[in-house]
């Protein structure tokens, strides 16, 4: 239902948050400039600087909600942007998903009732502004190097003797659920922190029957009609900053960047 996300959530963190189904916003970068909005006095945390965003409705994906809010509050056109990934700020009973996007040129923006002012600011200058607390908390992670993790599902599922051979669809579904732990979060890679902006789970054979993930998921199922390894390679080459997860030596030799299954399980705890 349209606008069914409007409303407050009393969170276990001790604060109220706007958005019954969570909220989403757009972190738009053009070069070293970021688009921010000054919130009106009547709004929650009025007088602070944040990004275009708001409550997500139950029928919307994270990306759809963020782009809708950016259009409503700043007249931004989704077609002008390239989505790079998503950052997830998780609270006990609520979360905020920030869609990170770039554009070749600064798009034309228009102020709305919820935007007293729209301004392009350098990332360095942002740190010295009066920011919305949630935005201030997320900002350091939003500026980290971004990767999309492409998972060789057959290799990962096959590494755990839990009866997957009798229920490959179920095992794949469980792996997709487990991958939600790292999607949109920060992990350690080669001694530095990186943001996992999304996860693609490449499936083949019987596992192609695994159901799609939920609308608000940052894990997507990629179904291969042929050899799964070929699809993993194709997806890794189509993504700017791809990181493949597999312990298959042959597959690792075909992609630019990869980590082992044991590394993935470390990230998932």
C-alpha atoms as a PDB file:
ATOM      1  CA  UNK A   1       0.000   0.000   0.000  1.00  0.00           C
ATOM      2  CA  UNK A   2       1.305   3.461  -0.906  1.00  0.00           C
ATOM      3  CA  UNK A   3       2.696   5.448   2.077  1.00  0.00           C
ATOM      4  CA  UNK A   4       2.111   2.539   4.472  1.00  0.00           C
ATOM      5  CA  UNK A   5       5.623   3.146   5.763  1.00  0.00           C
ATOM      6  CA  UNK A   6       4.767   6.479   7.362  1.00  0.00           C
ATOM      7  CA  UNK A   7       4.910   6.242  11.134  1.00  0.00           C
ATOM      8  CA  UNK A   8       7.264   6.009  14.082  1.00  0.00           C
ATOM      9  CA  UNK A   9       9.056   2.939  15.410  1.00  0.00           C
ATOM     10  CA  UNK A  10       9.977   2.736  19.101  1.00  0.00           C
ATOM     11  CA  UNK A  11      13.378   1.090  18.864  1.00  0.00           C
ATOM     12  CA  UNK A  12      15.267  -0.947  21.416  1.00  0.00           C
ATOM     13  CA  UNK A  13      18.099   1.580  21.140  1.00  0.00           C
ATOM     14  CA  UNK A  14      15.941   3.985  23.165  1.00  0.00           C
ATOM     15  CA  UNK A  15      15.012   6.317  20.300  1.00  0.00           C
ATOM     16  CA  UNK A  16      12.103   6.679  17.891  1.00  0.00           C
ATOM     17  CA  UNK A  17      12.774   6.346  14.169  1.00  0.00           C
ATOM     18  CA  UNK A  18      10.649   7.383  11.221  1.00  0.00           C
ATOM     19  CA  UNK A  19       9.538   4.565   8.929  1.00  0.00           C
ATOM     20  CA  UNK A  20       7.494   1.518   9.930  1.00  0.00           C
ATOM     21  CA  UNK A  21       9.422  -0.613   7.415  1.00  0.00           C
ATOM     22  CA  UNK A  22      12.703   1.226   7.820  1.00  0.00           C
ATOM     23  CA  UNK A  23      13.916   4.135   5.753  1.00  0.00           C
ATOM     24  CA  UNK A  24      16.207   4.747   2.792  1.00  0.00           C
ATOM     25  CA  UNK A  25      18.137   7.666   1.346  1.00  0.00           C
ATOM     26  CA  UNK A  26      20.485   8.631  -1.470  1.00  0.00           C
ATOM     27  CA  UNK A  27      24.171   9.439  -0.970  1.00  0.00           C
ATOM     28  CA  UNK A  28      25.047  11.010  -4.320  1.00  0.00           C
ATOM     29  CA  UNK A  29      28.670  11.746  -5.202  1.00  0.00           C
ATOM     30  CA  UNK A  30      29.973  13.624  -8.230  1.00  0.00           C
ATOM     31  CA  UNK A  31      33.740  13.708  -8.068  1.00  0.00           C
ATOM     32  CA  UNK A  32      34.604  14.746  -4.502  1.00  0.00           C
ATOM     33  CA  UNK A  33      31.259  16.512  -4.004  1.00  0.00           C
ATOM     34  CA  UNK A  34      28.269  15.097  -2.104  1.00  0.00           C
ATOM     35  CA  UNK A  35      24.680  16.364  -2.325  1.00  0.00           C
ATOM     36  CA  UNK A  36      23.192  17.227   1.077  1.00  0.00           C
ATOM     37  CA  UNK A  37      19.974  18.880   2.227  1.00  0.00           C
ATOM     38  CA  UNK A  38      19.238  21.200   5.130  1.00  0.00           C
ATOM     39  CA  UNK A  39      16.221  19.844   6.995  1.00  0.00           C
ATOM     40  CA  UNK A  40      13.416  22.283   7.881  1.00  0.00           C
ATOM     41  CA  UNK A  41      12.773  23.223  11.486  1.00  0.00           C
ATOM     42  CA  UNK A  42       9.512  21.258  11.695  1.00  0.00           C
ATOM     43  CA  UNK A  43      11.164  17.979  10.640  1.00  0.00           C
ATOM     44  CA  UNK A  44      12.795  15.432  12.948  1.00  0.00           C
ATOM     45  CA  UNK A  45      16.316  16.736  13.700  1.00  0.00           C
ATOM     46  CA  UNK A  46      15.380  19.967  11.915  1.00  0.00           C
ATOM     47  CA  UNK A  47      18.238  22.343  11.205  1.00  0.00           C
ATOM     48  CA  UNK A  48      20.682  19.515  10.556  1.00  0.00           C
ATOM     49  CA  UNK A  49      22.222  18.463   7.255  1.00  0.00           C
ATOM     50  CA  UNK A  50      21.413  15.063   5.822  1.00  0.00           C
ATOM     51  CA  UNK A  51      20.702  13.351   2.503  1.00  0.00           C
ATOM     52  CA  UNK A  52      17.406  13.052   0.612  1.00  0.00           C
ATOM     53  CA  UNK A  53      15.510  10.139   2.125  1.00  0.00           C
ATOM     54  CA  UNK A  54      12.523   8.918   4.079  1.00  0.00           C
ATOM     55  CA  UNK A  55      10.293   6.021   5.043  1.00  0.00           C
ATOM     56  CA  UNK A  56      10.242   2.905   2.858  1.00  0.00           C
ATOM     57  CA  UNK A  57       6.835   1.461   1.974  1.00  0.00           C
ATOM     58  CA  UNK A  58       6.218  -2.281   2.290  1.00  0.00           C
ATOM     59  CA  UNK A  59       5.964  -2.802  -1.479  1.00  0.00           C
ATOM     60  CA  UNK A  60       9.247  -1.008  -2.245  1.00  0.00           C
ATOM     61  CA  UNK A  61      12.787  -2.248  -2.564  1.00  0.00           C
ATOM     62  CA  UNK A  62      15.509  -0.259  -0.837  1.00  0.00           C
ATOM     63  CA  UNK A  63      16.632   1.167  -4.186  1.00  0.00           C
ATOM     64  CA  UNK A  64      13.098   2.129  -5.228  1.00  0.00           C
ATOM     65  CA  UNK A  65      12.437   3.911  -1.943  1.00  0.00           C
ATOM     66  CA  UNK A  66      15.688   5.872  -2.026  1.00  0.00           C
ATOM     67  CA  UNK A  67      15.173   6.989  -5.622  1.00  0.00           C
ATOM     68  CA  UNK A  68      11.551   7.970  -4.964  1.00  0.00           C
ATOM     69  CA  UNK A  69      12.553  10.089  -1.984  1.00  0.00           C
ATOM     70  CA  UNK A  70      15.397  11.716  -3.947  1.00  0.00           C
ATOM     71  CA  UNK A  71      12.989  12.607  -6.727  1.00  0.00           C
ATOM     72  CA  UNK A  72      10.360  13.956  -4.321  1.00  0.00           C
ATOM     73  CA  UNK A  73      12.812  16.014  -2.265  1.00  0.00           C
ATOM     74  CA  UNK A  74      15.325  17.143  -4.891  1.00  0.00           C
ATOM     75  CA  UNK A  75      13.840  16.295  -8.338  1.00  0.00           C
ATOM     76  CA  UNK A  76      16.693  13.866  -9.011  1.00  0.00           C
ATOM     77  CA  UNK A  77      16.172  11.511 -11.949  1.00  0.00           C
ATOM     78  CA  UNK A  78      17.275   7.914 -11.354  1.00  0.00           C
ATOM     79  CA  UNK A  79      18.277   7.564 -15.016  1.00  0.00           C
ATOM     80  CA  UNK A  80      21.069  10.109 -14.457  1.00  0.00           C
ATOM     81  CA  UNK A  81      22.745   8.024 -11.757  1.00  0.00           C
ATOM     82  CA  UNK A  82      24.907   4.923 -11.441  1.00  0.00           C
ATOM     83  CA  UNK A  83      24.187   2.883  -8.315  1.00  0.00           C
ATOM     84  CA  UNK A  84      27.411   1.667  -6.700  1.00  0.00           C
ATOM     85  CA  UNK A  85      26.081  -0.111  -3.615  1.00  0.00           C
ATOM     86  CA  UNK A  86      24.159   0.174  -0.355  1.00  0.00           C
ATOM     87  CA  UNK A  87      25.183   0.845   3.234  1.00  0.00           C
ATOM     88  CA  UNK A  88      22.994  -0.535   5.997  1.00  0.00           C
ATOM     89  CA  UNK A  89      22.733   1.098   9.433  1.00  0.00           C
ATOM     90  CA  UNK A  90      21.055  -1.532  11.593  1.00  0.00           C
ATOM     91  CA  UNK A  91      19.280  -0.741  14.860  1.00  0.00           C
ATOM     92  CA  UNK A  92      17.590  -3.321  17.132  1.00  0.00           C
ATOM     93  CA  UNK A  93      14.117  -2.744  15.614  1.00  0.00           C
ATOM     94  CA  UNK A  94      14.750  -0.498  12.616  1.00  0.00           C
ATOM     95  CA  UNK A  95      17.300   0.236   9.926  1.00  0.00           C
ATOM     96  CA  UNK A  96      18.341   2.882   7.451  1.00  0.00           C
ATOM     97  CA  UNK A  97      19.626   1.882   4.004  1.00  0.00           C
ATOM     98  CA  UNK A  98      21.763   4.409   2.163  1.00  0.00           C
ATOM     99  CA  UNK A  99      21.997   3.907  -1.593  1.00  0.00           C
ATOM    100  CA  UNK A 100      25.409   5.089  -2.784  1.00  0.00           C
ATOM    101  CA  UNK A 101      25.355   6.479  -6.311  1.00  0.00           C
ATOM    102  CA  UNK A 102      27.539   8.519  -8.646  1.00  0.00           C
ATOM    103  CA  UNK A 103      26.912  10.653 -11.715  1.00  0.00           C
ATOM    104  CA  UNK A 104      29.117  11.916 -14.523  1.00  0.00           C
ATOM    105  CA  UNK A 105      27.894  15.484 -13.951  1.00  0.00           C
ATOM    106  CA  UNK A 106      25.981  17.218 -11.196  1.00  0.00           C
ATOM    107  CA  UNK A 107      22.292  16.677 -11.974  1.00  0.00           C
ATOM    108  CA  UNK A 108      19.863  19.555 -11.818  1.00  0.00           C
ATOM    109  CA  UNK A 109      18.229  19.628  -8.383  1.00  0.00           C
ATOM    110  CA  UNK A 110      15.206  21.502  -7.060  1.00  0.00           C
ATOM    111  CA  UNK A 111      14.437  22.314  -3.438  1.00  0.00           C
ATOM    112  CA  UNK A 112      11.268  20.881  -1.914  1.00  0.00           C
ATOM    113  CA  UNK A 113       9.315  21.619   1.263  1.00  0.00           C
ATOM    114  CA  UNK A 114      11.472  19.051   3.054  1.00  0.00           C
ATOM    115  CA  UNK A 115      14.685  20.671   1.805  1.00  0.00           C
ATOM    116  CA  UNK A 116      15.376  24.203   3.057  1.00  0.00           C
ATOM    117  CA  UNK A 117      18.551  24.141   0.996  1.00  0.00           C
ATOM    118  CA  UNK A 118      20.336  21.686  -1.280  1.00  0.00           C
ATOM    119  CA  UNK A 119      24.102  22.021  -1.407  1.00  0.00           C
ATOM    120  CA  UNK A 120      27.085  20.247  -2.981  1.00  0.00           C
ATOM    121  CA  UNK A 121      29.807  19.822  -0.350  1.00  0.00           C
ATOM    122  CA  UNK A 122      33.205  18.125  -0.359  1.00  0.00           C
ATOM    123  CA  UNK A 123      33.527  15.014   1.787  1.00  0.00           C
ATOM    124  CA  UNK A 124      36.135  16.781   3.934  1.00  0.00           C
ATOM    125  CA  UNK A 125      33.844  19.764   4.579  1.00  0.00           C
ATOM    126  CA  UNK A 126      30.951  17.482   5.502  1.00  0.00           C
ATOM    127  CA  UNK A 127      32.723  16.435   8.687  1.00  0.00           C
ATOM    128  CA  UNK A 128      32.618  20.020   9.977  1.00  0.00           C
ATOM    129  CA  UNK A 129      28.888  20.585   9.376  1.00  0.00           C
ATOM    130  CA  UNK A 130      25.985  20.093  11.793  1.00  0.00           C
ATOM    131  CA  UNK A 131      24.870  16.689  10.507  1.00  0.00           C
ATOM    132  CA  UNK A 132      21.817  14.621  11.315  1.00  0.00           C
ATOM    133  CA  UNK A 133      23.051  12.113  13.968  1.00  0.00           C
ATOM    134  CA  UNK A 134      22.239   9.072  11.831  1.00  0.00           C
ATOM    135  CA  UNK A 135      24.033  10.529   8.816  1.00  0.00           C
ATOM    136  CA  UNK A 136      27.018  11.481  10.964  1.00  0.00           C
ATOM    137  CA  UNK A 137      27.195   7.918  12.288  1.00  0.00           C
ATOM    138  CA  UNK A 138      27.111   6.398   8.789  1.00  0.00           C
ATOM    139  CA  UNK A 139      29.387   8.900   7.022  1.00  0.00           C
ATOM    140  CA  UNK A 140      32.796   7.309   7.783  1.00  0.00           C
ATOM    141  CA  UNK A 141      31.592   3.977   6.386  1.00  0.00           C
ATOM    142  CA  UNK A 142      29.934   5.585   3.351  1.00  0.00           C
ATOM    143  CA  UNK A 143      33.346   6.908   2.321  1.00  0.00           C
ATOM    144  CA  UNK A 144      35.132   3.538   2.534  1.00  0.00           C
ATOM    145  CA  UNK A 145      36.229   1.586  -0.574  1.00  0.00           C
ATOM    146  CA  UNK A 146      33.192  -0.259  -1.953  1.00  0.00           C
ATOM    147  CA  UNK A 147      32.989  -3.861  -3.211  1.00  0.00           C
ATOM    148  CA  UNK A 148      30.238  -6.119  -4.515  1.00  0.00           C
ATOM    149  CA  UNK A 149      30.713  -9.706  -3.371  1.00  0.00           C
ATOM    150  CA  UNK A 150      29.955 -12.363  -6.008  1.00  0.00           C
ATOM    151  CA  UNK A 151      29.500 -15.769  -4.358  1.00  0.00           C
ATOM    152  CA  UNK A 152      30.057 -19.124  -6.075  1.00  0.00           C
ATOM    153  CA  UNK A 153      27.082 -20.750  -4.332  1.00  0.00           C
ATOM    154  CA  UNK A 154      27.858 -24.356  -5.287  1.00  0.00           C
ATOM    155  CA  UNK A 155      31.396 -24.077  -3.936  1.00  0.00           C
ATOM    156  CA  UNK A 156      30.317 -22.428  -0.679  1.00  0.00           C
ATOM    157  CA  UNK A 157      27.355 -24.732  -0.047  1.00  0.00           C
ATOM    158  CA  UNK A 158      29.457 -27.791  -0.884  1.00  0.00           C
ATOM    159  CA  UNK A 159      32.076 -26.868   1.724  1.00  0.00           C
ATOM    160  CA  UNK A 160      29.729 -27.735   4.605  1.00  0.00           C
ATOM    161  CA  UNK A 161      28.555 -31.373   5.004  1.00  0.00           C
ATOM    162  CA  UNK A 162      25.065 -30.512   6.273  1.00  0.00           C
ATOM    163  CA  UNK A 163      23.013 -32.648   3.924  1.00  0.00           C
ATOM    164  CA  UNK A 164      22.925 -30.104   1.112  1.00  0.00           C
ATOM    165  CA  UNK A 165      23.015 -32.901  -1.473  1.00  0.00           C
ATOM    166  CA  UNK A 166      19.474 -33.846  -0.427  1.00  0.00           C
ATOM    167  CA  UNK A 167      18.138 -30.277  -0.485  1.00  0.00           C
ATOM    168  CA  UNK A 168      20.190 -27.930  -2.625  1.00  0.00           C
ATOM    169  CA  UNK A 169      17.422 -25.353  -2.805  1.00  0.00           C
ATOM    170  CA  UNK A 170      17.112 -25.259   0.979  1.00  0.00           C
ATOM    171  CA  UNK A 171      20.888 -25.056   1.450  1.00  0.00           C
ATOM    172  CA  UNK A 172      21.070 -22.189  -1.031  1.00  0.00           C
ATOM    173  CA  UNK A 173      18.224 -20.405   0.737  1.00  0.00           C
ATOM    174  CA  UNK A 174      20.048 -20.722   4.065  1.00  0.00           C
ATOM    175  CA  UNK A 175      23.237 -19.345   2.519  1.00  0.00           C
ATOM    176  CA  UNK A 176      21.340 -16.357   1.110  1.00  0.00           C
ATOM    177  CA  UNK A 177      19.948 -15.665   4.592  1.00  0.00           C
ATOM    178  CA  UNK A 178      23.418 -15.916   6.141  1.00  0.00           C
ATOM    179  CA  UNK A 179      24.852 -13.515   3.566  1.00  0.00           C
ATOM    180  CA  UNK A 180      22.501 -10.802   4.827  1.00  0.00           C
ATOM    181  CA  UNK A 181      24.920 -10.495   7.762  1.00  0.00           C
ATOM    182  CA  UNK A 182      27.605  -8.925   5.580  1.00  0.00           C
ATOM    183  CA  UNK A 183      25.520  -7.158   2.909  1.00  0.00           C
ATOM    184  CA  UNK A 184      25.702  -3.406   3.460  1.00  0.00           C
ATOM    185  CA  UNK A 185      28.271  -3.797   6.242  1.00  0.00           C
ATOM    186  CA  UNK A 186      32.000  -3.237   6.723  1.00  0.00           C
ATOM    187  CA  UNK A 187      34.513  -6.112   6.603  1.00  0.00           C
ATOM    188  CA  UNK A 188      38.290  -6.437   6.761  1.00  0.00           C
ATOM    189  CA  UNK A 189      39.980  -7.170   3.433  1.00  0.00           C
ATOM    190  CA  UNK A 190      43.761  -7.305   3.039  1.00  0.00           C
ATOM    191  CA  UNK A 191      44.262  -5.288   6.189  1.00  0.00           C
ATOM    192  CA  UNK A 192      41.826  -2.497   5.376  1.00  0.00           C
ATOM    193  CA  UNK A 193      38.152  -1.855   5.897  1.00  0.00           C
ATOM    194  CA  UNK A 194      35.819  -2.080   2.888  1.00  0.00           C
ATOM    195  CA  UNK A 195      32.071  -1.686   2.545  1.00  0.00           C
ATOM    196  CA  UNK A 196      30.181  -4.640   1.053  1.00  0.00           C
ATOM    197  CA  UNK A 197      27.686  -2.682  -1.028  1.00  0.00           C
ATOM    198  CA  UNK A 198      25.793  -5.780  -2.150  1.00  0.00           C
ATOM    199  CA  UNK A 199      26.022  -9.541  -2.622  1.00  0.00           C
ATOM    200  CA  UNK A 200      25.267 -11.600  -5.735  1.00  0.00           C
ATOM    201  CA  UNK A 201      24.727 -15.314  -5.149  1.00  0.00           C
ATOM    202  CA  UNK A 202      25.331 -17.245  -8.382  1.00  0.00           C
ATOM    203  CA  UNK A 203      23.416 -20.549  -8.483  1.00  0.00           C
ATOM    204  CA  UNK A 204      23.333 -23.435 -10.973  1.00  0.00           C
ATOM    205  CA  UNK A 205      21.720 -26.838 -11.439  1.00  0.00           C
ATOM    206  CA  UNK A 206      19.050 -27.784  -8.909  1.00  0.00           C
ATOM    207  CA  UNK A 207      19.787 -24.653  -6.884  1.00  0.00           C
ATOM    208  CA  UNK A 208      18.264 -22.389  -9.556  1.00  0.00           C
ATOM    209  CA  UNK A 209      14.940 -23.242  -7.925  1.00  0.00           C
ATOM    210  CA  UNK A 210      15.882 -21.213  -4.844  1.00  0.00           C
ATOM    211  CA  UNK A 211      13.313 -18.436  -4.297  1.00  0.00           C
ATOM    212  CA  UNK A 212      14.152 -14.773  -4.796  1.00  0.00           C
ATOM    213  CA  UNK A 213      15.236 -12.864  -1.734  1.00  0.00           C
ATOM    214  CA  UNK A 214      12.946 -10.323  -0.064  1.00  0.00           C
ATOM    215  CA  UNK A 215      12.361  -6.828  -1.467  1.00  0.00           C
ATOM    216  CA  UNK A 216      14.464  -5.241   1.257  1.00  0.00           C
ATOM    217  CA  UNK A 217      17.333  -7.708   0.840  1.00  0.00           C
ATOM    218  CA  UNK A 218      20.790  -6.661  -0.352  1.00  0.00           C
ATOM    219  CA  UNK A 219      21.463 -10.210  -1.549  1.00  0.00           C
ATOM    220  CA  UNK A 220      20.366 -11.057  -5.086  1.00  0.00           C
ATOM    221  CA  UNK A 221      20.060 -14.520  -6.651  1.00  0.00           C
ATOM    222  CA  UNK A 222      21.730 -14.814 -10.068  1.00  0.00           C
ATOM    223  CA  UNK A 223      20.584 -17.949 -11.907  1.00  0.00           C
ATOM    224  CA  UNK A 224      22.915 -19.620 -14.385  1.00  0.00           C
ATOM    225  CA  UNK A 225      21.371 -21.691 -17.166  1.00  0.00           C
ATOM    226  CA  UNK A 226      24.783 -23.179 -17.905  1.00  0.00           C
ATOM    227  CA  UNK A 227      28.061 -23.541 -16.028  1.00  0.00           C
ATOM    228  CA  UNK A 228      27.996 -21.537 -12.821  1.00  0.00           C
ATOM    229  CA  UNK A 229      31.694 -20.646 -13.053  1.00  0.00           C
ATOM    230  CA  UNK A 230      31.125 -18.883 -16.366  1.00  0.00           C
ATOM    231  CA  UNK A 231      28.344 -16.793 -14.829  1.00  0.00           C
ATOM    232  CA  UNK A 232      30.554 -15.884 -11.859  1.00  0.00           C
ATOM    233  CA  UNK A 233      33.244 -14.670 -14.264  1.00  0.00           C
ATOM    234  CA  UNK A 234      30.714 -12.728 -16.337  1.00  0.00           C
ATOM    235  CA  UNK A 235      29.231 -11.023 -13.285  1.00  0.00           C
ATOM    236  CA  UNK A 236      32.663 -10.158 -11.865  1.00  0.00           C
ATOM    237  CA  UNK A 237      33.637  -8.499 -15.138  1.00  0.00           C
ATOM    238  CA  UNK A 238      30.444  -6.445 -15.315  1.00  0.00           C
ATOM    239  CA  UNK A 239      30.914  -4.978 -11.821  1.00  0.00           C
ATOM    240  CA  UNK A 240      33.449  -2.226 -11.248  1.00  0.00           C
ATOM    241  CA  UNK A 241      34.698  -3.460  -7.868  1.00  0.00           C
ATOM    242  CA  UNK A 242      33.841  -7.160  -7.698  1.00  0.00           C
ATOM    243  CA  UNK A 243      35.159  -9.621  -5.137  1.00  0.00           C
ATOM    244  CA  UNK A 244      34.544 -13.304  -5.910  1.00  0.00           C
ATOM    245  CA  UNK A 245      34.151 -15.863  -3.128  1.00  0.00           C
ATOM    246  CA  UNK A 246      35.267 -19.368  -4.075  1.00  0.00           C
ATOM    247  CA  UNK A 247      37.866 -21.965  -3.144  1.00  0.00           C
ATOM    248  CA  UNK A 248      37.948 -23.313  -6.704  1.00  0.00           C
ATOM    249  CA  UNK A 249      41.515 -22.627  -7.896  1.00  0.00           C
ATOM    250  CA  UNK A 250      40.544 -22.703 -11.544  1.00  0.00           C
ATOM    251  CA  UNK A 251      37.810 -20.132 -11.020  1.00  0.00           C
ATOM    252  CA  UNK A 252      40.025 -17.918  -8.862  1.00  0.00           C
ATOM    253  CA  UNK A 253      42.546 -17.797 -11.702  1.00  0.00           C
ATOM    254  CA  UNK A 254      39.851 -16.435 -14.046  1.00  0.00           C
ATOM    255  CA  UNK A 255      38.799 -13.437 -11.937  1.00  0.00           C
ATOM    256  CA  UNK A 256      40.661 -10.311 -10.832  1.00  0.00           C
ATOM    257  CA  UNK A 257      39.977 -10.436  -7.087  1.00  0.00           C
ATOM    258  CA  UNK A 258      38.845 -13.319  -4.920  1.00  0.00           C
ATOM    259  CA  UNK A 259      38.781 -14.649  -1.381  1.00  0.00           C
ATOM    260  CA  UNK A 260      38.307 -18.136  -0.009  1.00  0.00           C
ATOM    261  CA  UNK A 261      35.183 -19.652   1.480  1.00  0.00           C
ATOM    262  CA  UNK A 262      36.895 -19.668   4.879  1.00  0.00           C
ATOM    263  CA  UNK A 263      37.316 -15.877   4.628  1.00  0.00           C
ATOM    264  CA  UNK A 264      33.606 -15.499   3.877  1.00  0.00           C
ATOM    265  CA  UNK A 265      32.675 -17.607   6.887  1.00  0.00           C
ATOM    266  CA  UNK A 266      34.915 -15.408   9.059  1.00  0.00           C
ATOM    267  CA  UNK A 267      32.972 -12.356   7.910  1.00  0.00           C
ATOM    268  CA  UNK A 268      29.661 -14.051   8.620  1.00  0.00           C
ATOM    269  CA  UNK A 269      30.872 -14.989  12.112  1.00  0.00           C
END
